[in-house]
């Protein structure tokens, strides 16, 4: 009984390796033919286009607000606190960047060794 169960589990786990399909075999649908009824019958192409426009408008709004706030006068003690927070975040991001580079190299090394030949 245990052998049959083990064989079944092993067989189920090995099935994906027996297929010979890749991402290149996926059929990408035409976005102009898909219609979304919940958004007033809009097709996928227009939905993505309007989404990009809204994102661009939000980005412009954020930049305008950032420049307005940047021009405001600040108290000396608040500027010091802000600088401490900025330096802490910058140090953290640099450490994370170093970690990600090392992680990338650790992952890339076996791939290069595997596909080099």
C-alpha atoms as a PDB file:
ATOM      1  CA  UNK A   1       0.000   0.000   0.000  1.00  0.00           C
ATOM      2  CA  UNK A   2       2.794   2.399   0.915  1.00  0.00           C
ATOM      3  CA  UNK A   3       4.708   1.519  -2.255  1.00  0.00           C
ATOM      4  CA  UNK A   4       1.664   2.190  -4.419  1.00  0.00           C
ATOM      5  CA  UNK A   5       1.043   5.553  -2.734  1.00  0.00           C
ATOM      6  CA  UNK A   6       4.708   6.512  -3.047  1.00  0.00           C
ATOM      7  CA  UNK A   7       4.705   5.506  -6.710  1.00  0.00           C
ATOM      8  CA  UNK A   8       1.532   7.523  -7.312  1.00  0.00           C
ATOM      9  CA  UNK A   9       2.955  10.625  -5.654  1.00  0.00           C
ATOM     10  CA  UNK A  10       6.229  10.237  -7.574  1.00  0.00           C
ATOM     11  CA  UNK A  11       4.310   9.811 -10.828  1.00  0.00           C
ATOM     12  CA  UNK A  12       2.182  12.907 -10.214  1.00  0.00           C
ATOM     13  CA  UNK A  13       5.260  14.963  -9.410  1.00  0.00           C
ATOM     14  CA  UNK A  14       7.060  13.789 -12.563  1.00  0.00           C
ATOM     15  CA  UNK A  15       4.200  14.526 -14.997  1.00  0.00           C
ATOM     16  CA  UNK A  16       5.234  18.184 -15.597  1.00  0.00           C
ATOM     17  CA  UNK A  17       8.685  17.052 -16.720  1.00  0.00           C
ATOM     18  CA  UNK A  18       7.142  14.876 -19.432  1.00  0.00           C
ATOM     19  CA  UNK A  19       5.469  17.830 -21.179  1.00  0.00           C
ATOM     20  CA  UNK A  20       7.314  19.783 -23.842  1.00  0.00           C
ATOM     21  CA  UNK A  21       5.616  23.160 -23.808  1.00  0.00           C
ATOM     22  CA  UNK A  22       7.036  26.585 -23.071  1.00  0.00           C
ATOM     23  CA  UNK A  23       5.901  30.176 -22.695  1.00  0.00           C
ATOM     24  CA  UNK A  24       6.551  30.673 -26.410  1.00  0.00           C
ATOM     25  CA  UNK A  25       3.653  28.282 -27.128  1.00  0.00           C
ATOM     26  CA  UNK A  26       1.123  30.460 -25.277  1.00  0.00           C
ATOM     27  CA  UNK A  27      -1.373  32.280 -27.458  1.00  0.00           C
ATOM     28  CA  UNK A  28      -1.704  35.946 -26.502  1.00  0.00           C
ATOM     29  CA  UNK A  29      -5.250  37.165 -27.149  1.00  0.00           C
ATOM     30  CA  UNK A  30      -5.933  40.318 -29.160  1.00  0.00           C
ATOM     31  CA  UNK A  31      -6.817  43.034 -26.649  1.00  0.00           C
ATOM     32  CA  UNK A  32      -9.037  44.849 -29.145  1.00  0.00           C
ATOM     33  CA  UNK A  33     -11.372  41.850 -29.357  1.00  0.00           C
ATOM     34  CA  UNK A  34     -11.882  41.390 -25.618  1.00  0.00           C
ATOM     35  CA  UNK A  35     -14.775  43.363 -24.176  1.00  0.00           C
ATOM     36  CA  UNK A  36     -15.294  44.110 -20.470  1.00  0.00           C
ATOM     37  CA  UNK A  37     -18.989  44.583 -19.710  1.00  0.00           C
ATOM     38  CA  UNK A  38     -18.360  45.843 -16.162  1.00  0.00           C
ATOM     39  CA  UNK A  39     -16.563  48.911 -17.567  1.00  0.00           C
ATOM     40  CA  UNK A  40     -19.247  49.964 -20.039  1.00  0.00           C
ATOM     41  CA  UNK A  41     -18.346  47.498 -22.774  1.00  0.00           C
ATOM     42  CA  UNK A  42     -14.817  48.860 -23.187  1.00  0.00           C
ATOM     43  CA  UNK A  43     -12.261  46.712 -24.981  1.00  0.00           C
ATOM     44  CA  UNK A  44      -8.982  45.690 -23.346  1.00  0.00           C
ATOM     45  CA  UNK A  45      -6.821  48.008 -25.462  1.00  0.00           C
ATOM     46  CA  UNK A  46      -8.773  51.137 -24.454  1.00  0.00           C
ATOM     47  CA  UNK A  47      -8.901  50.016 -20.831  1.00  0.00           C
ATOM     48  CA  UNK A  48      -5.113  49.785 -20.703  1.00  0.00           C
ATOM     49  CA  UNK A  49      -4.713  53.078 -22.573  1.00  0.00           C
ATOM     50  CA  UNK A  50      -6.980  54.967 -20.167  1.00  0.00           C
ATOM     51  CA  UNK A  51      -5.171  53.351 -17.252  1.00  0.00           C
ATOM     52  CA  UNK A  52      -1.829  54.623 -18.546  1.00  0.00           C
ATOM     53  CA  UNK A  53      -3.289  58.114 -18.974  1.00  0.00           C
ATOM     54  CA  UNK A  54      -4.595  58.108 -15.395  1.00  0.00           C
ATOM     55  CA  UNK A  55      -1.202  56.947 -14.110  1.00  0.00           C
ATOM     56  CA  UNK A  56       0.550  59.730 -16.071  1.00  0.00           C
ATOM     57  CA  UNK A  57      -1.854  62.336 -14.652  1.00  0.00           C
ATOM     58  CA  UNK A  58      -1.253  61.008 -11.134  1.00  0.00           C
ATOM     59  CA  UNK A  59       2.496  61.184 -11.677  1.00  0.00           C
ATOM     60  CA  UNK A  60       2.249  64.808 -12.847  1.00  0.00           C
ATOM     61  CA  UNK A  61       0.033  65.698  -9.876  1.00  0.00           C
ATOM     62  CA  UNK A  62       2.536  64.090  -7.500  1.00  0.00           C
ATOM     63  CA  UNK A  63       5.451  65.990  -9.023  1.00  0.00           C
ATOM     64  CA  UNK A  64       3.594  69.326  -8.779  1.00  0.00           C
ATOM     65  CA  UNK A  65       2.732  68.672  -5.121  1.00  0.00           C
ATOM     66  CA  UNK A  66       6.307  67.562  -4.398  1.00  0.00           C
ATOM     67  CA  UNK A  67       7.721  70.799  -5.861  1.00  0.00           C
ATOM     68  CA  UNK A  68       5.214  72.920  -3.908  1.00  0.00           C
ATOM     69  CA  UNK A  69       6.071  71.196  -0.622  1.00  0.00           C
ATOM     70  CA  UNK A  70       9.790  71.361  -1.353  1.00  0.00           C
ATOM     71  CA  UNK A  71       9.611  75.187  -1.618  1.00  0.00           C
ATOM     72  CA  UNK A  72       7.938  75.594   1.802  1.00  0.00           C
ATOM     73  CA  UNK A  73      10.107  76.836   4.683  1.00  0.00           C
ATOM     74  CA  UNK A  74      11.050  74.271   7.338  1.00  0.00           C
ATOM     75  CA  UNK A  75      12.059  74.512  10.960  1.00  0.00           C
ATOM     76  CA  UNK A  76      15.702  73.687  11.666  1.00  0.00           C
ATOM     77  CA  UNK A  77      14.916  70.780  14.014  1.00  0.00           C
ATOM     78  CA  UNK A  78      12.457  69.256  11.525  1.00  0.00           C
ATOM     79  CA  UNK A  79      15.082  69.527   8.789  1.00  0.00           C
ATOM     80  CA  UNK A  80      17.526  67.615  11.023  1.00  0.00           C
ATOM     81  CA  UNK A  81      14.969  64.865  11.686  1.00  0.00           C
ATOM     82  CA  UNK A  82      14.164  64.680   7.995  1.00  0.00           C
ATOM     83  CA  UNK A  83      17.860  64.398   7.157  1.00  0.00           C
ATOM     84  CA  UNK A  84      18.310  61.561   9.670  1.00  0.00           C
ATOM     85  CA  UNK A  85      15.370  59.682   8.160  1.00  0.00           C
ATOM     86  CA  UNK A  86      16.748  60.257   4.649  1.00  0.00           C
ATOM     87  CA  UNK A  87      20.237  59.013   5.564  1.00  0.00           C
ATOM     88  CA  UNK A  88      18.770  55.953   7.310  1.00  0.00           C
ATOM     89  CA  UNK A  89      16.670  55.057   4.264  1.00  0.00           C
ATOM     90  CA  UNK A  90      19.606  55.636   1.923  1.00  0.00           C
ATOM     91  CA  UNK A  91      21.833  53.346   3.986  1.00  0.00           C
ATOM     92  CA  UNK A  92      19.124  50.687   4.099  1.00  0.00           C
ATOM     93  CA  UNK A  93      18.594  50.834   0.324  1.00  0.00           C
ATOM     94  CA  UNK A  94      22.329  50.568  -0.337  1.00  0.00           C
ATOM     95  CA  UNK A  95      22.534  47.494   1.904  1.00  0.00           C
ATOM     96  CA  UNK A  96      19.518  45.952   0.180  1.00  0.00           C
ATOM     97  CA  UNK A  97      21.096  46.690  -3.206  1.00  0.00           C
ATOM     98  CA  UNK A  98      24.311  44.933  -2.185  1.00  0.00           C
ATOM     99  CA  UNK A  99      22.281  41.968  -0.926  1.00  0.00           C
ATOM    100  CA  UNK A 100      20.302  41.741  -4.171  1.00  0.00           C
ATOM    101  CA  UNK A 101      23.476  41.861  -6.269  1.00  0.00           C
ATOM    102  CA  UNK A 102      25.003  39.039  -4.228  1.00  0.00           C
ATOM    103  CA  UNK A 103      21.747  37.064  -4.469  1.00  0.00           C
ATOM    104  CA  UNK A 104      21.667  37.602  -8.228  1.00  0.00           C
ATOM    105  CA  UNK A 105      25.228  36.318  -8.541  1.00  0.00           C
ATOM    106  CA  UNK A 106      24.421  33.273  -6.414  1.00  0.00           C
ATOM    107  CA  UNK A 107      21.444  32.481  -8.642  1.00  0.00           C
ATOM    108  CA  UNK A 108      23.255  33.324 -11.899  1.00  0.00           C
ATOM    109  CA  UNK A 109      26.295  31.154 -11.215  1.00  0.00           C
ATOM    110  CA  UNK A 110      24.494  27.774 -11.435  1.00  0.00           C
ATOM    111  CA  UNK A 111      22.546  28.979 -14.480  1.00  0.00           C
ATOM    112  CA  UNK A 112      25.717  29.999 -16.279  1.00  0.00           C
ATOM    113  CA  UNK A 113      27.361  26.697 -15.381  1.00  0.00           C
ATOM    114  CA  UNK A 114      24.278  24.763 -16.521  1.00  0.00           C
ATOM    115  CA  UNK A 115      23.768  26.513 -19.862  1.00  0.00           C
ATOM    116  CA  UNK A 116      27.427  27.192 -20.715  1.00  0.00           C
ATOM    117  CA  UNK A 117      27.881  23.819 -22.361  1.00  0.00           C
END
